[in-house]
């Protein structure tokens, strides 16, 4: 399944597996592809999707700070989604 929300629409990643379970299915791996900003806050790293007010923690080795286009596995096993296995590229005009 691929979700492609309208620009500015803040999709709550933690709700996706709940909705899938509610429909009687078992959710599989969730991958996120987005453009935004990688930033460091103290000893933690996070990714803020362009146009959204929320950021997601990055587990493991973060990409370089700054604007980036990323692809990551979303770990939704905890209370908040965490991005794992993050790969990033330079931000391009076409995304």
C-alpha atoms as a PDB file:
ATOM      1  CA  UNK A   1       0.000   0.000   0.000  1.00  0.00           C
ATOM      2  CA  UNK A   2       1.296   3.473  -0.791  1.00  0.00           C
ATOM      3  CA  UNK A   3       0.032   6.616   0.921  1.00  0.00           C
ATOM      4  CA  UNK A   4       0.797   9.958  -0.671  1.00  0.00           C
ATOM      5  CA  UNK A   5      -0.858  12.688   1.453  1.00  0.00           C
ATOM      6  CA  UNK A   6      -1.488  16.188   0.201  1.00  0.00           C
ATOM      7  CA  UNK A   7       1.210  18.750   1.010  1.00  0.00           C
ATOM      8  CA  UNK A   8       0.739  20.115   4.515  1.00  0.00           C
ATOM      9  CA  UNK A   9      -1.389  17.158   5.675  1.00  0.00           C
ATOM     10  CA  UNK A  10       0.212  15.689   8.812  1.00  0.00           C
ATOM     11  CA  UNK A  11      -0.250  11.964   8.649  1.00  0.00           C
ATOM     12  CA  UNK A  12       0.004  10.327  12.075  1.00  0.00           C
ATOM     13  CA  UNK A  13       2.334   7.412  11.331  1.00  0.00           C
ATOM     14  CA  UNK A  14       1.371   5.573  14.519  1.00  0.00           C
ATOM     15  CA  UNK A  15      -2.271   5.450  13.347  1.00  0.00           C
ATOM     16  CA  UNK A  16      -1.513   3.534  10.137  1.00  0.00           C
ATOM     17  CA  UNK A  17      -0.750   0.132  11.743  1.00  0.00           C
ATOM     18  CA  UNK A  18      -3.716   0.584  14.114  1.00  0.00           C
ATOM     19  CA  UNK A  19      -6.037   1.153  11.163  1.00  0.00           C
ATOM     20  CA  UNK A  20      -4.643  -1.897   9.350  1.00  0.00           C
ATOM     21  CA  UNK A  21      -5.167  -4.080  12.450  1.00  0.00           C
ATOM     22  CA  UNK A  22      -8.663  -2.627  12.867  1.00  0.00           C
ATOM     23  CA  UNK A  23      -9.470  -3.779   9.335  1.00  0.00           C
ATOM     24  CA  UNK A  24      -8.447  -7.328  10.304  1.00  0.00           C
ATOM     25  CA  UNK A  25      -4.990  -7.426   8.731  1.00  0.00           C
ATOM     26  CA  UNK A  26      -1.456  -7.677  10.109  1.00  0.00           C
ATOM     27  CA  UNK A  27       0.687  -4.644   9.212  1.00  0.00           C
ATOM     28  CA  UNK A  28       4.063  -5.317   7.654  1.00  0.00           C
ATOM     29  CA  UNK A  29       7.126  -3.145   7.308  1.00  0.00           C
ATOM     30  CA  UNK A  30       6.478   0.558   6.846  1.00  0.00           C
ATOM     31  CA  UNK A  31       8.884   2.674   4.823  1.00  0.00           C
ATOM     32  CA  UNK A  32       8.876   6.449   4.766  1.00  0.00           C
ATOM     33  CA  UNK A  33      10.185   8.538   1.878  1.00  0.00           C
ATOM     34  CA  UNK A  34      10.127  12.263   2.604  1.00  0.00           C
ATOM     35  CA  UNK A  35      11.917  15.580   2.248  1.00  0.00           C
ATOM     36  CA  UNK A  36      12.814  17.661   5.246  1.00  0.00           C
ATOM     37  CA  UNK A  37      15.462  18.607   7.774  1.00  0.00           C
ATOM     38  CA  UNK A  38      17.850  16.381   9.756  1.00  0.00           C
ATOM     39  CA  UNK A  39      18.749  18.020  13.056  1.00  0.00           C
ATOM     40  CA  UNK A  40      20.542  17.243  16.269  1.00  0.00           C
ATOM     41  CA  UNK A  41      18.985  17.977  19.671  1.00  0.00           C
ATOM     42  CA  UNK A  42      21.487  17.233  22.426  1.00  0.00           C
ATOM     43  CA  UNK A  43      22.647  13.657  21.872  1.00  0.00           C
ATOM     44  CA  UNK A  44      19.571  12.711  19.813  1.00  0.00           C
ATOM     45  CA  UNK A  45      18.933  13.070  16.102  1.00  0.00           C
ATOM     46  CA  UNK A  46      15.593  13.692  14.465  1.00  0.00           C
ATOM     47  CA  UNK A  47      14.017  14.233  11.080  1.00  0.00           C
ATOM     48  CA  UNK A  48      11.415  16.951  10.525  1.00  0.00           C
ATOM     49  CA  UNK A  49       9.298  16.458   7.422  1.00  0.00           C
ATOM     50  CA  UNK A  50       8.960  19.626   5.337  1.00  0.00           C
ATOM     51  CA  UNK A  51       5.649  21.353   6.109  1.00  0.00           C
ATOM     52  CA  UNK A  52       4.893  19.263   9.226  1.00  0.00           C
ATOM     53  CA  UNK A  53       5.028  20.405  12.835  1.00  0.00           C
ATOM     54  CA  UNK A  54       6.254  17.070  14.203  1.00  0.00           C
ATOM     55  CA  UNK A  55       9.668  15.423  13.997  1.00  0.00           C
ATOM     56  CA  UNK A  56      10.706  11.776  14.286  1.00  0.00           C
ATOM     57  CA  UNK A  57      13.624  10.345  16.234  1.00  0.00           C
ATOM     58  CA  UNK A  58      16.367   8.731  14.163  1.00  0.00           C
ATOM     59  CA  UNK A  59      17.827   5.531  15.626  1.00  0.00           C
ATOM     60  CA  UNK A  60      21.286   4.320  14.693  1.00  0.00           C
ATOM     61  CA  UNK A  61      23.536   6.301  12.385  1.00  0.00           C
ATOM     62  CA  UNK A  62      21.893   9.550  11.263  1.00  0.00           C
ATOM     63  CA  UNK A  63      22.477  11.159   7.880  1.00  0.00           C
ATOM     64  CA  UNK A  64      24.320  14.508   7.806  1.00  0.00           C
ATOM     65  CA  UNK A  65      22.539  17.496   9.338  1.00  0.00           C
ATOM     66  CA  UNK A  66      20.603  19.804   7.047  1.00  0.00           C
ATOM     67  CA  UNK A  67      18.055  19.481   4.279  1.00  0.00           C
ATOM     68  CA  UNK A  68      17.695  16.001   2.853  1.00  0.00           C
ATOM     69  CA  UNK A  69      15.471  13.592   1.043  1.00  0.00           C
ATOM     70  CA  UNK A  70      15.334  10.392   3.120  1.00  0.00           C
ATOM     71  CA  UNK A  71      14.039   6.863   2.959  1.00  0.00           C
ATOM     72  CA  UNK A  72      13.698   4.987   6.247  1.00  0.00           C
ATOM     73  CA  UNK A  73      12.114   1.978   7.883  1.00  0.00           C
ATOM     74  CA  UNK A  74       9.544   3.160  10.443  1.00  0.00           C
ATOM     75  CA  UNK A  75       9.635   1.270  13.746  1.00  0.00           C
ATOM     76  CA  UNK A  76       6.174   1.658  15.225  1.00  0.00           C
ATOM     77  CA  UNK A  77       6.596  -0.928  18.003  1.00  0.00           C
ATOM     78  CA  UNK A  78       6.983   1.716  20.742  1.00  0.00           C
ATOM     79  CA  UNK A  79       4.846   4.608  21.908  1.00  0.00           C
ATOM     80  CA  UNK A  80       6.220   6.877  19.146  1.00  0.00           C
ATOM     81  CA  UNK A  81       7.415   5.994  15.635  1.00  0.00           C
ATOM     82  CA  UNK A  82      11.217   5.888  15.259  1.00  0.00           C
ATOM     83  CA  UNK A  83      13.114   5.992  11.954  1.00  0.00           C
ATOM     84  CA  UNK A  84      15.640   3.162  11.440  1.00  0.00           C
ATOM     85  CA  UNK A  85      17.901   2.193   8.553  1.00  0.00           C
ATOM     86  CA  UNK A  86      17.855   5.745   7.246  1.00  0.00           C
ATOM     87  CA  UNK A  87      19.387   6.494   3.864  1.00  0.00           C
ATOM     88  CA  UNK A  88      19.555  10.070   2.667  1.00  0.00           C
ATOM     89  CA  UNK A  89      20.448  12.034  -0.398  1.00  0.00           C
ATOM     90  CA  UNK A  90      20.918  15.668  -1.191  1.00  0.00           C
ATOM     91  CA  UNK A  91      17.726  17.636  -1.520  1.00  0.00           C
ATOM     92  CA  UNK A  92      16.748  18.120  -5.146  1.00  0.00           C
ATOM     93  CA  UNK A  93      14.080  20.486  -6.519  1.00  0.00           C
ATOM     94  CA  UNK A  94      11.899  17.591  -7.760  1.00  0.00           C
ATOM     95  CA  UNK A  95      12.145  15.601  -4.503  1.00  0.00           C
END
